[in-house]
Amino acid sequence: MGVYQRSDFTGIFYAHRGLHDNEQGIPENSLPAFRAAAARGYGVELDVQLSSDGQVVVFHDDTLDRVCGVSGKVADRSLAELRKLRLLKTEETIPLFTEVLAVLREGAGPLIVELKTGGRNAELCEKTRELLRGYPGVYCIESFDPRIVYWFRKNAPEIIRGQLAQPEKDYGGLLPGPAAWLLAGCRLSFLNRPDFIAYRIGPRPARVLRKRGKGVLLIGWTSRDAERDAKDNDSVIFEHCAPPIRYQKGKNL
């Protein structure tokens, strides 16, 4: 498990894309959402990808349509172009990963960084690793892309790594049937050897549960009832609920 202990990653509630509340003007993956999560003492889950000019930005979707109301891909725009956009009709902009780390640094709570897959995976992996070096809290990475998880096994084995997965039907036709079958069952884990599997809340394949029995942690996402779902997971990524605080700087409660 790298430089951390198993206890560093168990029993934690992670705020999904920060503690966001769109109705209150706190959009997902925004600096206010991360400040709110840190102030409450939650862990944080967030997403990183590259702008066209190689900046690591915090944004979930591949495209800008849903969150920013414009067409196009994040990867096709420069940081300067992305800065002109607004998140979910607020005044908030797409933050740099460095800005988010600065916000979270004081609380230094547990951090899950999801790396989005794209055409420049190695560059994203390298830059994310370098930016995380200065973060004083506990952190780990995860990805739906087994190749990204493998990159960290090969190049940064000291960093805790996780394989994101979901049931085969939930890949929604985005992948060929055989690829969805492989990913849904985490059948490539013999290559990237994840320290944890982050699986969609609900029934999990028997092979995933067997891996948990062999010491691989199981993190559930995305929960709307974190206390309930904590019973079947080692940690939980949540949104739109208020689970009890289980972390203070330097220790789990």
Protein backbone atom coordinates (compact mmCIF):
# COMPACT_ATOMS: atom_id res chain seq x y z
CA MET A 1 0.00 0.00 0.00
CA GLY A 2 2.86 2.41 -0.65
CA VAL A 3 3.88 4.93 2.02
CA TYR A 4 0.42 4.94 3.63
CA GLN A 5 -1.34 2.50 5.88
CA ARG A 6 -4.64 0.78 5.10
CA SER A 7 -6.27 2.81 7.88
CA ASP A 8 -5.51 6.03 5.99
CA PHE A 9 -8.04 5.05 3.33
CA THR A 10 -10.76 3.28 5.32
CA GLY A 11 -13.84 4.78 6.90
CA ILE A 12 -13.58 8.03 4.95
CA PHE A 13 -16.44 9.97 3.36
CA TYR A 14 -15.25 11.74 0.19
CA ALA A 15 -17.27 14.65 -1.21
CA HIS A 16 -17.89 13.93 -4.90
CA ARG A 17 -16.39 16.79 -6.95
CA GLY A 18 -16.28 18.77 -3.74
CA LEU A 19 -19.20 19.64 -1.48
CA HIS A 20 -21.21 21.16 -4.29
CA ASP A 21 -24.73 22.52 -4.29
CA ASN A 22 -25.78 23.89 -7.64
CA GLU A 23 -28.96 25.43 -6.22
CA GLN A 24 -26.85 27.45 -3.78
CA GLY A 25 -24.45 28.59 -6.49
CA ILE A 26 -21.65 26.19 -5.54
CA PRO A 27 -20.97 24.20 -8.71
CA GLU A 28 -19.20 20.85 -8.90
CA ASN A 29 -15.40 20.85 -9.15
CA SER A 30 -15.23 24.53 -8.19
CA LEU A 31 -13.04 26.23 -5.61
CA PRO A 32 -16.04 27.03 -3.35
CA ALA A 33 -17.06 23.36 -3.43
CA PHE A 34 -13.59 22.30 -2.33
CA ARG A 35 -13.43 24.97 0.37
CA ALA A 36 -16.79 23.75 1.71
CA ALA A 37 -15.62 20.14 1.83
CA ALA A 38 -12.38 21.08 3.59
CA ALA A 39 -14.23 23.27 6.09
CA ARG A 40 -16.54 20.39 7.00
CA GLY A 41 -13.68 17.92 7.34
CA TYR A 42 -14.58 15.61 4.49
CA GLY A 43 -12.22 13.92 2.10
CA VAL A 44 -12.45 15.13 -1.49
CA GLU A 45 -12.83 13.40 -4.85
CA LEU A 46 -12.07 15.38 -8.00
CA ASP A 47 -11.26 14.98 -11.70
CA VAL A 48 -8.24 16.18 -13.69
CA GLN A 49 -7.50 16.44 -17.39
CA LEU A 50 -5.34 18.51 -19.74
CA SER A 51 -6.12 21.70 -21.62
CA SER A 52 -4.82 21.99 -25.17
CA ASP A 53 -1.73 23.83 -23.87
CA GLY A 54 -0.93 21.15 -21.30
CA GLN A 55 -2.34 22.68 -18.13
CA VAL A 56 -3.85 20.31 -15.56
CA VAL A 57 -7.40 21.51 -14.95
CA VAL A 58 -10.11 20.19 -12.66
CA PHE A 59 -13.19 19.26 -14.70
CA HIS A 60 -15.20 16.08 -15.07
CA ASP A 61 -16.79 15.88 -18.51
CA ASP A 62 -14.86 15.46 -21.75
CA THR A 63 -17.09 18.11 -23.30
CA LEU A 64 -18.12 21.55 -22.08
CA ASP A 65 -21.80 21.38 -22.97
CA ARG A 66 -23.39 20.30 -19.68
CA VAL A 67 -21.41 22.42 -17.25
CA CYS A 68 -20.40 25.45 -19.33
CA GLY A 69 -23.18 25.63 -21.90
CA VAL A 70 -20.89 25.65 -24.94
CA SER A 71 -19.94 22.93 -27.37
CA GLY A 72 -16.49 21.45 -27.70
CA LYS A 73 -13.98 19.43 -25.74
CA VAL A 74 -11.87 20.58 -22.80
CA ALA A 75 -8.80 19.09 -24.47
CA ASP A 76 -9.26 21.31 -27.52
CA ARG A 77 -9.16 24.61 -25.63
CA SER A 78 -6.29 26.48 -24.04
CA LEU A 79 -6.34 27.50 -20.40
CA ALA A 80 -7.01 31.10 -21.42
CA GLU A 81 -10.03 29.98 -23.43
CA LEU A 82 -11.31 27.78 -20.61
CA ARG A 83 -10.98 30.66 -18.13
CA LYS A 84 -13.55 32.65 -20.09
CA LEU A 85 -16.22 30.04 -19.40
CA ARG A 86 -18.46 29.83 -16.34
CA LEU A 87 -19.57 26.78 -14.35
CA LEU A 88 -23.30 26.05 -14.31
CA LYS A 89 -24.37 29.69 -14.79
CA THR A 90 -22.36 30.97 -11.83
CA GLU A 91 -19.34 33.27 -11.80
CA GLU A 92 -17.03 30.35 -11.01
CA THR A 93 -14.42 29.29 -13.55
CA ILE A 94 -12.62 26.04 -14.30
CA PRO A 95 -9.80 25.82 -11.74
CA LEU A 96 -6.24 24.67 -12.17
CA PHE A 97 -5.28 21.61 -10.16
CA THR A 98 -2.65 23.75 -8.42
CA GLU A 99 -5.36 26.14 -7.25
CA VAL A 100 -7.45 23.32 -5.85
CA LEU A 101 -4.46 21.84 -4.02
CA ALA A 102 -3.76 25.26 -2.50
CA VAL A 103 -7.35 25.47 -1.22
CA LEU A 104 -7.23 21.96 0.24
CA ARG A 105 -3.73 22.28 1.64
CA GLU A 106 -4.71 23.85 4.97
CA GLY A 107 -7.15 21.09 5.85
CA ALA A 108 -4.94 18.51 4.10
CA GLY A 109 -7.72 15.95 4.11
CA PRO A 110 -7.69 12.67 2.16
CA LEU A 111 -7.82 13.23 -1.58
CA ILE A 112 -8.93 10.99 -4.46
CA VAL A 113 -7.76 12.24 -7.86
CA GLU A 114 -9.49 10.74 -10.89
CA LEU A 115 -7.47 11.02 -14.10
CA LYS A 116 -9.65 11.28 -17.19
CA THR A 117 -8.56 9.27 -20.20
CA GLY A 118 -7.54 11.00 -23.42
CA GLY A 119 -4.95 11.21 -26.12
CA ARG A 120 -2.16 12.37 -23.78
CA ASN A 121 -2.41 9.95 -20.89
CA ALA A 122 1.29 9.76 -20.10
CA GLU A 123 1.61 13.54 -19.98
CA LEU A 124 -1.38 13.83 -17.66
CA CYS A 125 0.01 11.09 -15.40
CA GLU A 126 3.43 12.71 -15.19
CA LYS A 127 2.11 16.18 -14.46
CA THR A 128 -0.42 14.95 -11.90
CA ARG A 129 2.27 13.01 -10.06
CA GLU A 130 4.55 16.05 -9.92
CA LEU A 131 1.80 18.36 -8.67
CA LEU A 132 0.80 15.91 -5.93
CA ARG A 133 4.34 15.71 -4.56
CA GLY A 134 3.83 18.88 -2.55
CA TYR A 135 0.43 18.00 -1.10
CA PRO A 136 0.84 17.38 2.65
CA GLY A 137 -2.25 15.21 3.09
CA VAL A 138 -3.07 11.63 2.19
CA TYR A 139 -3.82 11.16 -1.50
CA CYS A 140 -4.43 8.48 -4.09
CA ILE A 141 -5.30 8.30 -7.78
CA GLU A 142 -7.93 6.40 -9.72
CA SER A 143 -9.09 6.03 -13.30
CA PHE A 144 -11.54 4.12 -15.45
CA ASP A 145 -8.67 3.58 -17.87
CA PRO A 146 -6.59 0.54 -16.81
CA ARG A 147 -3.65 1.96 -18.76
CA ILE A 148 -3.50 4.99 -16.48
CA VAL A 149 -3.62 2.80 -13.39
CA TYR A 150 -0.84 0.67 -14.91
CA TRP A 151 1.26 3.80 -15.56
CA PHE A 152 1.22 4.53 -11.84
CA ARG A 153 2.06 0.94 -10.96
CA LYS A 154 5.09 1.13 -13.24
CA ASN A 155 6.26 4.71 -12.70
CA ALA A 156 4.97 5.74 -9.27
CA PRO A 157 4.31 2.57 -7.25
CA GLU A 158 4.49 4.57 -4.02
CA ILE A 159 1.18 6.26 -4.87
CA ILE A 160 -1.97 4.37 -3.93
CA ARG A 161 -3.88 3.57 -7.12
CA GLY A 162 -7.44 2.53 -7.79
CA GLN A 163 -9.43 1.05 -10.65
CA LEU A 164 -12.79 2.70 -11.29
CA ALA A 165 -15.48 0.37 -12.58
CA GLN A 166 -19.21 -0.11 -12.96
CA PRO A 167 -21.61 -2.81 -14.17
CA GLU A 168 -21.31 -3.80 -17.82
CA LYS A 169 -24.66 -2.24 -18.75
CA ASP A 170 -23.61 1.13 -17.36
CA TYR A 171 -20.89 1.63 -19.96
CA GLY A 172 -23.85 2.57 -22.14
CA GLY A 173 -22.61 1.35 -25.47
CA LEU A 174 -19.59 3.63 -25.34
CA LEU A 175 -17.35 0.58 -25.46
CA PRO A 176 -17.51 -2.64 -27.47
CA GLY A 177 -19.12 -5.49 -25.55
CA PRO A 178 -15.87 -7.35 -24.82
CA ALA A 179 -14.21 -4.17 -23.48
CA ALA A 180 -17.18 -3.42 -21.22
CA TRP A 181 -17.06 -7.01 -19.94
CA LEU A 182 -13.34 -6.71 -19.17
CA LEU A 183 -13.69 -3.41 -17.34
CA ALA A 184 -16.87 -4.28 -15.44
CA GLY A 185 -15.19 -7.30 -13.92
CA CYS A 186 -11.84 -5.56 -13.34
CA ARG A 187 -10.31 -8.36 -15.39
CA LEU A 188 -7.14 -6.40 -16.15
CA SER A 189 -6.22 -5.96 -12.51
CA PHE A 190 -3.55 -8.64 -12.84
CA LEU A 191 -1.65 -6.04 -14.90
CA ASN A 192 -2.17 -2.83 -12.94
CA ARG A 193 -2.62 -4.37 -9.46
CA PRO A 194 -4.91 -1.71 -7.94
CA ASP A 195 -4.78 -1.05 -4.20
CA PHE A 196 -8.51 -0.33 -4.31
CA ILE A 197 -11.47 -0.73 -6.61
CA ALA A 198 -13.95 2.14 -6.77
CA TYR A 199 -17.22 0.56 -7.91
CA ARG A 200 -20.64 2.05 -8.59
CA ILE A 201 -23.05 1.61 -5.65
CA GLY A 202 -25.16 -1.51 -6.13
CA PRO A 203 -24.48 -5.20 -6.82
CA ARG A 204 -20.81 -5.99 -7.51
CA PRO A 205 -19.39 -8.92 -9.44
CA ALA A 206 -18.27 -11.84 -7.31
CA ARG A 207 -14.71 -11.48 -8.62
CA VAL A 208 -14.58 -7.89 -7.30
CA LEU A 209 -15.79 -9.01 -3.89
CA ARG A 210 -13.19 -11.77 -3.87
CA LYS A 211 -10.47 -9.19 -4.45
CA ARG A 212 -11.73 -7.30 -1.42
CA GLY A 213 -11.35 -10.49 0.56
CA LYS A 214 -7.71 -10.59 -0.55
CA GLY A 215 -6.97 -7.11 0.77
CA VAL A 216 -8.02 -4.81 -2.08
CA LEU A 217 -10.06 -1.95 -0.63
CA LEU A 218 -13.57 -1.30 -1.98
CA ILE A 219 -14.80 2.28 -2.36
CA GLY A 220 -18.41 2.93 -3.32
CA TRP A 221 -19.59 5.73 -5.61
CA THR A 222 -21.68 7.85 -5.83
CA SER A 223 -23.79 7.53 -2.70
CA ARG A 224 -26.84 9.56 -1.70
CA ASP A 225 -26.94 7.76 1.67
CA ALA A 226 -23.33 7.50 2.75
CA GLU A 227 -23.94 6.05 6.21
CA ARG A 228 -25.98 3.19 4.75
CA ASP A 229 -23.48 2.47 1.99
CA ALA A 230 -20.54 2.58 4.39
CA LYS A 231 -21.68 -0.80 5.68
CA ASP A 232 -20.70 -2.49 2.40
CA ASN A 233 -17.63 -0.43 1.50
CA ASP A 234 -14.31 0.50 3.04
CA SER A 235 -14.93 4.15 2.12
CA VAL A 236 -17.67 6.06 0.28
CA ILE A 237 -17.78 8.86 -2.29
CA PHE A 238 -20.99 10.82 -1.69
CA GLU A 239 -23.05 13.77 -2.85
CA HIS A 240 -26.25 15.52 -1.75
CA CYS A 241 -26.17 14.18 1.78
CA ALA A 242 -24.36 15.06 5.01
CA PRO A 243 -22.60 12.05 6.54
CA PRO A 244 -20.79 12.37 9.87
CA ILE A 245 -17.25 13.66 9.86
CA ARG A 246 -14.72 10.86 10.14
CA TYR A 247 -11.50 12.73 9.56
CA GLN A 248 -9.48 15.40 11.32
CA LYS A 249 -6.12 16.55 10.08
CA GLY A 250 -3.63 13.79 10.79
CA LYS A 251 -6.04 11.10 11.95
CA ASN A 252 -9.25 9.21 11.24
CA LEU A 253 -12.01 9.41 13.82
